[in-house]
C-alpha atoms as a PDB file:
ATOM      1  CA  MET A   1     -11.058  -5.291 -17.808  1.00  0.00           C
ATOM      2  CA  ASN A   2      -7.566  -6.394 -16.838  1.00  0.00           C
ATOM      3  CA  PRO A   3      -7.854  -7.809 -13.252  1.00  0.00           C
ATOM      4  CA  ALA A   4      -4.764  -5.879 -12.117  1.00  0.00           C
ATOM      5  CA  LEU A   5      -6.152  -2.600 -13.474  1.00  0.00           C
ATOM      6  CA  ALA A   6      -9.516  -3.309 -11.827  1.00  0.00           C
ATOM      7  CA  ALA A   7      -7.723  -3.940  -8.518  1.00  0.00           C
ATOM      8  CA  LEU A   8      -5.727  -0.710  -8.916  1.00  0.00           C
ATOM      9  CA  LEU A   9      -8.838   1.404  -9.541  1.00  0.00           C
ATOM     10  CA  LEU A  10     -10.732  -0.247  -6.676  1.00  0.00           C
ATOM     11  CA  GLY A  11      -7.725   0.368  -4.422  1.00  0.00           C
ATOM     12  CA  ALA A  12      -7.668   4.014  -5.534  1.00  0.00           C
ATOM     13  CA  THR A  13     -11.355   4.275  -4.630  1.00  0.00           C
ATOM     14  CA  CYS A  14     -10.680   2.877  -1.157  1.00  0.00           C
ATOM     15  CA  ILE A  15      -7.783   5.223  -0.427  1.00  0.00           C
ATOM     16  CA  ALA A  16      -9.811   8.150  -1.794  1.00  0.00           C
ATOM     17  CA  LEU A  17     -11.988   7.828   1.320  1.00  0.00           C
ATOM     18  CA  SER A  18      -9.034   8.256   3.667  1.00  0.00           C
ATOM     19  CA  PRO A  19      -8.909  12.094   3.682  1.00  0.00           C
ATOM     20  CA  ILE A  20     -12.549  12.118   4.813  1.00  0.00           C
ATOM     21  CA  PHE A  21     -11.766   9.696   7.653  1.00  0.00           C
ATOM     22  CA  VAL A  22      -8.759  11.826   8.634  1.00  0.00           C
ATOM     23  CA  ARG A  23     -10.697  15.109   8.543  1.00  0.00           C
ATOM     24  CA  VAL A  24     -13.387  13.779  10.934  1.00  0.00           C
ATOM     25  CA  SER A  25     -10.916  11.895  13.153  1.00  0.00           C
ATOM     26  CA  GLU A  26     -10.971  12.867  16.811  1.00  0.00           C
ATOM     27  CA  ALA A  27      -7.253  12.067  17.165  1.00  0.00           C
ATOM     28  CA  GLY A  28      -4.445  14.337  15.956  1.00  0.00           C
ATOM     29  CA  PRO A  29      -2.989  14.011  12.430  1.00  0.00           C
ATOM     30  CA  THR A  30       0.081  11.925  13.315  1.00  0.00           C
ATOM     31  CA  ALA A  31      -1.857   9.876  15.881  1.00  0.00           C
ATOM     32  CA  THR A  32      -4.486   9.159  13.221  1.00  0.00           C
ATOM     33  CA  ALA A  33      -1.713   8.020  10.875  1.00  0.00           C
ATOM     34  CA  PHE A  34      -0.438   5.673  13.603  1.00  0.00           C
ATOM     35  CA  TRP A  35      -3.872   4.162  14.271  1.00  0.00           C
ATOM     36  CA  ARG A  36      -4.431   3.778  10.539  1.00  0.00           C
ATOM     37  CA  VAL A  37      -1.689   1.167  10.356  1.00  0.00           C
ATOM     38  CA  ALA A  38      -1.717  -0.103  13.943  1.00  0.00           C
ATOM     39  CA  LEU A  39      -5.358  -1.209  13.788  1.00  0.00           C
ATOM     40  CA  ALA A  40      -4.742  -2.909  10.439  1.00  0.00           C
ATOM     41  CA  VAL A  41      -1.638  -4.837  11.569  1.00  0.00           C
ATOM     42  CA  PRO A  42      -3.417  -7.625  13.555  1.00  0.00           C
ATOM     43  CA  VAL A  43      -5.901  -8.189  10.729  1.00  0.00           C
ATOM     44  CA  LEU A  44      -3.156  -8.373   8.105  1.00  0.00           C
ATOM     45  CA  TRP A  45      -1.039 -10.831  10.113  1.00  0.00           C
ATOM     46  CA  ILE A  46      -4.071 -13.056  10.840  1.00  0.00           C
ATOM     47  CA  LEU A  47      -4.965 -13.109   7.129  1.00  0.00           C
ATOM     48  CA  TYR A  48      -1.351 -13.856   6.220  1.00  0.00           C
ATOM     49  CA  PHE A  49      -1.060 -16.824   8.592  1.00  0.00           C
ATOM     50  CA  LEU A  50      -4.425 -18.167   7.484  1.00  0.00           C
ATOM     51  CA  LYS A  51      -3.344 -18.014   3.833  1.00  0.00           C
ATOM     52  CA  ALA A  52       0.340 -18.915   4.236  1.00  0.00           C
ATOM     53  CA  LYS A  53       1.446 -22.170   2.666  1.00  0.00           C
ATOM     54  CA  SER A  54       3.364 -24.737   4.659  1.00  0.00           C
ATOM     55  CA  THR A  55       6.318 -24.523   2.267  1.00  0.00           C
ATOM     56  CA  GLY A  56       8.702 -21.742   3.208  1.00  0.00           C
ATOM     57  CA  ARG A  57       9.408 -18.976   0.717  1.00  0.00           C
ATOM     58  CA  ARG A  58      11.266 -16.255   2.596  1.00  0.00           C
ATOM     59  CA  TYR A  59      14.013 -14.251   0.947  1.00  0.00           C
ATOM     60  CA  SER A  60      16.457 -12.569   3.324  1.00  0.00           C
ATOM     61  CA  GLY A  61      17.609 -10.103   0.666  1.00  0.00           C
ATOM     62  CA  LYS A  62      14.231  -8.392   0.670  1.00  0.00           C
ATOM     63  CA  TRP A  63      14.464  -6.945   4.166  1.00  0.00           C
ATOM     64  CA  PRO A  64      16.166  -3.685   3.079  1.00  0.00           C
ATOM     65  CA  LEU A  65      13.315  -3.111   0.625  1.00  0.00           C
ATOM     66  CA  LEU A  66      10.678  -3.989   3.230  1.00  0.00           C
ATOM     67  CA  LEU A  67      12.278  -1.561   5.682  1.00  0.00           C
ATOM     68  CA  ALA A  68      12.480   1.152   3.007  1.00  0.00           C
ATOM     69  CA  ALA A  69       8.805   0.637   2.121  1.00  0.00           C
ATOM     70  CA  GLY A  70       7.768   0.895   5.774  1.00  0.00           C
ATOM     71  CA  VAL A  71       9.785   4.070   6.375  1.00  0.00           C
ATOM     72  CA  ALA A  72       8.560   5.656   3.123  1.00  0.00           C
ATOM     73  CA  PHE A  73       4.945   4.918   4.031  1.00  0.00           C
ATOM     74  CA  ALA A  74       5.432   6.367   7.523  1.00  0.00           C
ATOM     75  CA  GLY A  75       6.663   9.609   5.936  1.00  0.00           C
ATOM     76  CA  ASP A  76       3.825   9.515   3.428  1.00  0.00           C
ATOM     77  CA  LEU A  77       1.123   9.170   6.100  1.00  0.00           C
ATOM     78  CA  GLY A  78       2.680  11.603   8.558  1.00  0.00           C
ATOM     79  CA  PHE A  79       2.946  14.441   6.052  1.00  0.00           C
ATOM     80  CA  TRP A  80      -0.339  13.666   4.250  1.00  0.00           C
ATOM     81  CA  HIS A  81      -2.442  13.634   7.398  1.00  0.00           C
ATOM     82  CA  SER A  82      -0.941  16.977   8.404  1.00  0.00           C
ATOM     83  CA  SER A  83      -1.621  18.327   4.915  1.00  0.00           C
ATOM     84  CA  ILE A  84      -5.303  17.407   5.190  1.00  0.00           C
ATOM     85  CA  LYS A  85      -5.634  19.563   8.305  1.00  0.00           C
ATOM     86  CA  PHE A  86      -4.252  22.684   6.550  1.00  0.00           C
ATOM     87  CA  THR A  87      -5.693  22.526   3.044  1.00  0.00           C
ATOM     88  CA  SER A  88      -8.749  21.119   1.300  1.00  0.00           C
ATOM     89  CA  VAL A  89      -9.337  17.392   1.055  1.00  0.00           C
ATOM     90  CA  ALA A  90      -9.261  17.641  -2.747  1.00  0.00           C
ATOM     91  CA  ASN A  91      -5.940  19.492  -2.812  1.00  0.00           C
ATOM     92  CA  SER A  92      -4.184  17.236  -0.314  1.00  0.00           C
ATOM     93  CA  THR A  93      -5.313  14.119  -2.181  1.00  0.00           C
ATOM     94  CA  LEU A  94      -4.334  15.336  -5.630  1.00  0.00           C
ATOM     95  CA  LEU A  95      -1.015  16.818  -4.543  1.00  0.00           C
ATOM     96  CA  ALA A  96      -0.092  13.604  -2.728  1.00  0.00           C
ATOM     97  CA  ASN A  97      -0.546  11.870  -6.070  1.00  0.00           C
ATOM     98  CA  LEU A  98       2.113  14.047  -7.639  1.00  0.00           C
ATOM     99  CA  ALA A  99       4.036  10.900  -6.803  1.00  0.00           C
ATOM    100  CA  SER A 100       3.474  10.120 -10.494  1.00  0.00           C
ATOM    101  CA  ILE A 101       6.121  12.737 -11.374  1.00  0.00           C
ATOM    102  CA  PHE A 102       8.743  11.296  -9.045  1.00  0.00           C
ATOM    103  CA  VAL A 103       7.915   7.692  -9.986  1.00  0.00           C
ATOM    104  CA  THR A 104       8.173   8.503 -13.700  1.00  0.00           C
ATOM    105  CA  LEU A 105      11.501  10.301 -13.239  1.00  0.00           C
ATOM    106  CA  ALA A 106      12.945   7.484 -11.124  1.00  0.00           C
ATOM    107  CA  ALA A 107      11.778   4.822 -13.587  1.00  0.00           C
ATOM    108  CA  TRP A 108      13.277   6.839 -16.454  1.00  0.00           C
ATOM    109  CA  ILE A 109      16.637   7.509 -14.756  1.00  0.00           C
ATOM    110  CA  PHE A 110      17.246   4.274 -12.848  1.00  0.00           C
ATOM    111  CA  LEU A 111      15.184   1.655 -14.719  1.00  0.00           C
ATOM    112  CA  ARG A 112      15.598   3.098 -18.243  1.00  0.00           C
ATOM    113  CA  GLN A 113      11.791   3.030 -18.715  1.00  0.00           C
ATOM    114  CA  ARG A 114      11.358   5.955 -21.105  1.00  0.00           C
ATOM    115  CA  PRO A 115       7.794   7.360 -20.964  1.00  0.00           C
ATOM    116  CA  SER A 116       5.847   7.807 -24.204  1.00  0.00           C
ATOM    117  CA  GLY A 117       4.824  11.185 -25.591  1.00  0.00           C
ATOM    118  CA  VAL A 118       1.156  10.482 -24.873  1.00  0.00           C
ATOM    119  CA  PHE A 119       1.990   9.619 -21.259  1.00  0.00           C
ATOM    120  CA  LEU A 120       3.963  12.860 -20.808  1.00  0.00           C
ATOM    121  CA  ALA A 121       1.128  14.882 -22.369  1.00  0.00           C
ATOM    122  CA  GLY A 122      -1.353  13.392 -19.927  1.00  0.00           C
ATOM    123  CA  LEU A 123       0.993  14.057 -17.021  1.00  0.00           C
ATOM    124  CA  ALA A 124       1.420  17.672 -18.143  1.00  0.00           C
ATOM    125  CA  ALA A 125      -2.361  18.121 -18.242  1.00  0.00           C
ATOM    126  CA  ALA A 126      -2.640  16.786 -14.686  1.00  0.00           C
ATOM    127  CA  LEU A 127       0.105  19.154 -13.515  1.00  0.00           C
ATOM    128  CA  ALA A 128      -1.685  22.116 -15.097  1.00  0.00           C
ATOM    129  CA  GLY A 129      -4.719  21.244 -12.988  1.00  0.00           C
ATOM    130  CA  VAL A 130      -2.541  21.015  -9.899  1.00  0.00           C
ATOM    131  CA  ALA A 131      -1.144  24.494 -10.567  1.00  0.00           C
ATOM    132  CA  LEU A 132      -4.684  25.895 -10.721  1.00  0.00           C
ATOM    133  CA  LEU A 133      -5.567  24.204  -7.416  1.00  0.00           C
ATOM    134  CA  VAL A 134      -2.509  25.605  -5.638  1.00  0.00           C
ATOM    135  CA  HIS A 135      -3.268  29.105  -6.945  1.00  0.00           C
ATOM    136  CA  THR A 136      -6.796  28.799  -5.537  1.00  0.00           C
ATOM    137  CA  SER A 137      -5.415  27.647  -2.161  1.00  0.00           C
ATOM    138  CA  VAL A 138      -3.308  30.791  -1.791  1.00  0.00           C
ATOM    139  CA  GLU A 139      -6.413  32.939  -2.267  1.00  0.00           C
ATOM    140  CA  PHE A 140      -8.699  30.740  -0.163  1.00  0.00           C
ATOM    141  CA  SER A 141      -6.766  30.227   3.059  1.00  0.00           C
ATOM    142  CA  ALA A 142      -3.693  31.528   4.864  1.00  0.00           C
ATOM    143  CA  THR A 143      -2.729  27.946   5.732  1.00  0.00           C
ATOM    144  CA  GLY A 144      -3.655  26.490   2.338  1.00  0.00           C
ATOM    145  CA  LEU A 145      -0.179  26.907   0.877  1.00  0.00           C
ATOM    146  CA  ILE A 146       1.380  25.152   3.900  1.00  0.00           C
ATOM    147  CA  GLY A 147      -0.987  22.235   3.436  1.00  0.00           C
ATOM    148  CA  ASP A 148      -0.249  22.105  -0.279  1.00  0.00           C
ATOM    149  CA  ALA A 149       3.516  22.086   0.404  1.00  0.00           C
ATOM    150  CA  LEU A 150       3.060  19.178   2.811  1.00  0.00           C
ATOM    151  CA  GLY A 151       1.089  17.418   0.059  1.00  0.00           C
ATOM    152  CA  VAL A 152       4.076  17.688  -2.292  1.00  0.00           C
ATOM    153  CA  VAL A 153       6.409  16.266   0.386  1.00  0.00           C
ATOM    154  CA  THR A 154       3.879  13.461   0.800  1.00  0.00           C
ATOM    155  CA  ALA A 155       4.178  12.742  -2.920  1.00  0.00           C
ATOM    156  CA  MET A 156       7.936  12.245  -2.604  1.00  0.00           C
ATOM    157  CA  PHE A 157       7.510   9.681   0.154  1.00  0.00           C
ATOM    158  CA  TYR A 158       4.629   7.955  -1.653  1.00  0.00           C
ATOM    159  CA  ALA A 159       6.741   7.678  -4.798  1.00  0.00           C
ATOM    160  CA  GLY A 160       9.401   5.879  -2.751  1.00  0.00           C
ATOM    161  CA  TYR A 161       6.740   3.571  -1.342  1.00  0.00           C
ATOM    162  CA  ILE A 162       5.313   2.719  -4.774  1.00  0.00           C
ATOM    163  CA  LEU A 163       8.752   1.991  -6.229  1.00  0.00           C
ATOM    164  CA  THR A 164       9.831  -0.244  -3.335  1.00  0.00           C
ATOM    165  CA  VAL A 165       6.522  -2.124  -3.319  1.00  0.00           C
ATOM    166  CA  LYS A 166       6.839  -2.582  -7.086  1.00  0.00           C
ATOM    167  CA  ALA A 167      10.374  -3.959  -6.597  1.00  0.00           C
ATOM    168  CA  LEU A 168       9.165  -6.367  -3.906  1.00  0.00           C
ATOM    169  CA  ARG A 169       6.239  -7.608  -6.000  1.00  0.00           C
ATOM    170  CA  ASP A 170       8.532  -8.069  -9.011  1.00  0.00           C
ATOM    171  CA  ARG A 171      10.724 -10.285  -6.790  1.00  0.00           C
ATOM    172  CA  GLY A 172       7.762 -12.496  -5.939  1.00  0.00           C
ATOM    173  CA  GLU A 173       6.777 -11.161  -2.508  1.00  0.00           C
ATOM    174  CA  THR A 174       3.147 -11.887  -1.623  1.00  0.00           C
ATOM    175  CA  THR A 175       0.732  -9.038  -1.046  1.00  0.00           C
ATOM    176  CA  LEU A 176      -0.287 -10.099   2.462  1.00  0.00           C
ATOM    177  CA  TYR A 177       3.247 -10.580   3.766  1.00  0.00           C
ATOM    178  CA  LEU A 178       4.371  -7.296   2.235  1.00  0.00           C
ATOM    179  CA  MET A 179       1.399  -5.436   3.748  1.00  0.00           C
ATOM    180  CA  ALA A 180       1.771  -7.055   7.175  1.00  0.00           C
ATOM    181  CA  VAL A 181       5.510  -6.350   7.470  1.00  0.00           C
ATOM    182  CA  THR A 182       5.512  -2.822   6.050  1.00  0.00           C
ATOM    183  CA  SER A 183       2.461  -1.840   8.126  1.00  0.00           C
ATOM    184  CA  THR A 184       4.201  -3.080  11.270  1.00  0.00           C
ATOM    185  CA  ILE A 185       7.342  -1.099  10.432  1.00  0.00           C
ATOM    186  CA  THR A 186       5.268   2.002   9.646  1.00  0.00           C
ATOM    187  CA  ALA A 187       3.432   1.744  12.987  1.00  0.00           C
ATOM    188  CA  ILE A 188       6.736   1.392  14.864  1.00  0.00           C
ATOM    189  CA  PHE A 189       8.037   4.631  13.315  1.00  0.00           C
ATOM    190  CA  LEU A 190       4.787   6.585  13.656  1.00  0.00           C
ATOM    191  CA  PHE A 191       4.143   5.787  17.341  1.00  0.00           C
ATOM    192  CA  PRO A 192       7.030   7.857  18.781  1.00  0.00           C
ATOM    193  CA  ALA A 193       6.375  10.555  16.180  1.00  0.00           C
ATOM    194  CA  ALA A 194       2.750  10.799  17.354  1.00  0.00           C
ATOM    195  CA  LEU A 195       3.809  11.004  20.998  1.00  0.00           C
ATOM    196  CA  ALA A 196       6.408  13.671  20.240  1.00  0.00           C
ATOM    197  CA  SER A 197       3.926  15.739  18.220  1.00  0.00           C
ATOM    198  CA  GLY A 198       1.676  16.275  21.234  1.00  0.00           C
ATOM    199  CA  ASP A 199      -1.326  15.085  19.212  1.00  0.00           C
ATOM    200  CA  GLU A 200      -4.496  13.920  20.894  1.00  0.00           C
ATOM    201  CA  MET A 201      -3.759  10.177  20.846  1.00  0.00           C
ATOM    202  CA  LEU A 202      -7.174   8.665  21.590  1.00  0.00           C
ATOM    203  CA  PRO A 203     -10.621   9.326  20.115  1.00  0.00           C
ATOM    204  CA  GLN A 204     -13.183  10.671  22.560  1.00  0.00           C
ATOM    205  CA  SER A 205     -16.179   8.659  21.361  1.00  0.00           C
ATOM    206  CA  ALA A 206     -17.271   5.402  19.735  1.00  0.00           C
ATOM    207  CA  PHE A 207     -17.757   7.358  16.496  1.00  0.00           C
ATOM    208  CA  GLY A 208     -14.092   8.399  16.621  1.00  0.00           C
ATOM    209  CA  TRP A 209     -12.948   4.796  17.011  1.00  0.00           C
ATOM    210  CA  TRP A 210     -15.174   3.639  14.146  1.00  0.00           C
ATOM    211  CA  MET A 211     -13.640   6.281  11.885  1.00  0.00           C
ATOM    212  CA  LEU A 212     -10.184   4.934  12.722  1.00  0.00           C
ATOM    213  CA  VAL A 213     -11.317   1.350  12.101  1.00  0.00           C
ATOM    214  CA  GLY A 214     -12.743   2.386   8.730  1.00  0.00           C
ATOM    215  CA  LEU A 215      -9.505   4.163   7.876  1.00  0.00           C
ATOM    216  CA  ALA A 216      -7.460   1.094   8.865  1.00  0.00           C
ATOM    217  CA  LEU A 217      -9.531  -1.582   7.148  1.00  0.00           C
ATOM    218  CA  ILE A 218     -10.964   0.212   4.103  1.00  0.00           C
ATOM    219  CA  SER A 219      -8.321   2.747   3.141  1.00  0.00           C
ATOM    220  CA  HIS A 220      -5.196   0.938   4.356  1.00  0.00           C
ATOM    221  CA  ALA A 221      -5.703  -2.832   4.424  1.00  0.00           C
ATOM    222  CA  ALA A 222      -8.064  -2.998   1.430  1.00  0.00           C
ATOM    223  CA  GLY A 223      -6.929   0.062  -0.537  1.00  0.00           C
ATOM    224  CA  GLN A 224      -3.148  -0.275  -0.227  1.00  0.00           C
ATOM    225  CA  GLY A 225      -3.433  -4.067  -0.401  1.00  0.00           C
ATOM    226  CA  LEU A 226      -5.217  -3.913  -3.768  1.00  0.00           C
ATOM    227  CA  ILE A 227      -2.643  -1.428  -5.064  1.00  0.00           C
ATOM    228  CA  ALA A 228       0.225  -3.677  -3.939  1.00  0.00           C
ATOM    229  CA  TYR A 229      -1.466  -6.623  -5.660  1.00  0.00           C
ATOM    230  CA  ALA A 230      -1.844  -4.634  -8.895  1.00  0.00           C
ATOM    231  CA  LEU A 231       1.792  -3.480  -8.923  1.00  0.00           C
ATOM    232  CA  ALA A 232       2.919  -7.025  -9.672  1.00  0.00           C
ATOM    233  CA  SER A 233       1.378  -6.732 -13.144  1.00  0.00           C
ATOM    234  CA  LEU A 234       1.387  -3.022 -14.002  1.00  0.00           C
ATOM    235  CA  PRO A 235       4.230  -0.533 -14.634  1.00  0.00           C
ATOM    236  CA  ALA A 236       4.989   1.742 -11.675  1.00  0.00           C
ATOM    237  CA  ALA A 237       4.624   4.998 -13.646  1.00  0.00           C
ATOM    238  CA  PHE A 238       1.296   3.961 -15.175  1.00  0.00           C
ATOM    239  CA  SER A 239       0.022   2.868 -11.764  1.00  0.00           C
ATOM    240  CA  SER A 240       1.017   6.127 -10.054  1.00  0.00           C
ATOM    241  CA  VAL A 241      -0.836   8.213 -12.655  1.00  0.00           C
ATOM    242  CA  SER A 242      -3.860   5.885 -12.543  1.00  0.00           C
ATOM    243  CA  LEU A 243      -4.141   6.556  -8.803  1.00  0.00           C
ATOM    244  CA  LEU A 244      -5.332  10.072  -9.740  1.00  0.00           C
ATOM    245  CA  PHE A 245      -8.602   8.255 -10.416  1.00  0.00           C
END
């Protein structure tokens, strides 16, 4: 198997665990999103400095993209974690991956990457499944539709994140530096949002802290890191649909 595709699917497996971590978290949704990145930041920076080469390779022109990626991921996590609290884990996860629609449209309009007929047929089949899930949510729970709507908003932010990460990787940015910087920016934006939300900020038990550590290291550092690594070699639209795995 192509190493990049293997990394993408392994990353998708890691992030697939995140809704479970969020559902059992003892902190509030936005606070959980903050801890997800905040606990990963020290690990990512330590790994970066351990792996960094002595020869400098910084590019000042990438900072707007790094900032955009961090802000997009903050929006992605904030809305997704709230979605998980209102609808089913399956719905929130799948709807968040509607990012494939927005990524495909953006790649088509701005990058002139016209999708093939087979690709569009597969995307249409996925959307038909999404429509069935949303219909079930309306019948299942009074809050299900709210959670599903938040999942769609999540998809918009995640599409922005995927496209900016793809642009950074195409410009030669390393995975560890990208992850360390964008995670730091995301944490900076999510901290005041968590405080303003009135969420329970701290877990009440050791189990609660371990769930946050698992979320930070497995779903964020490993999962998003593998996806960022894969985006250097795979098209953005293909990658976004493959994340439905």
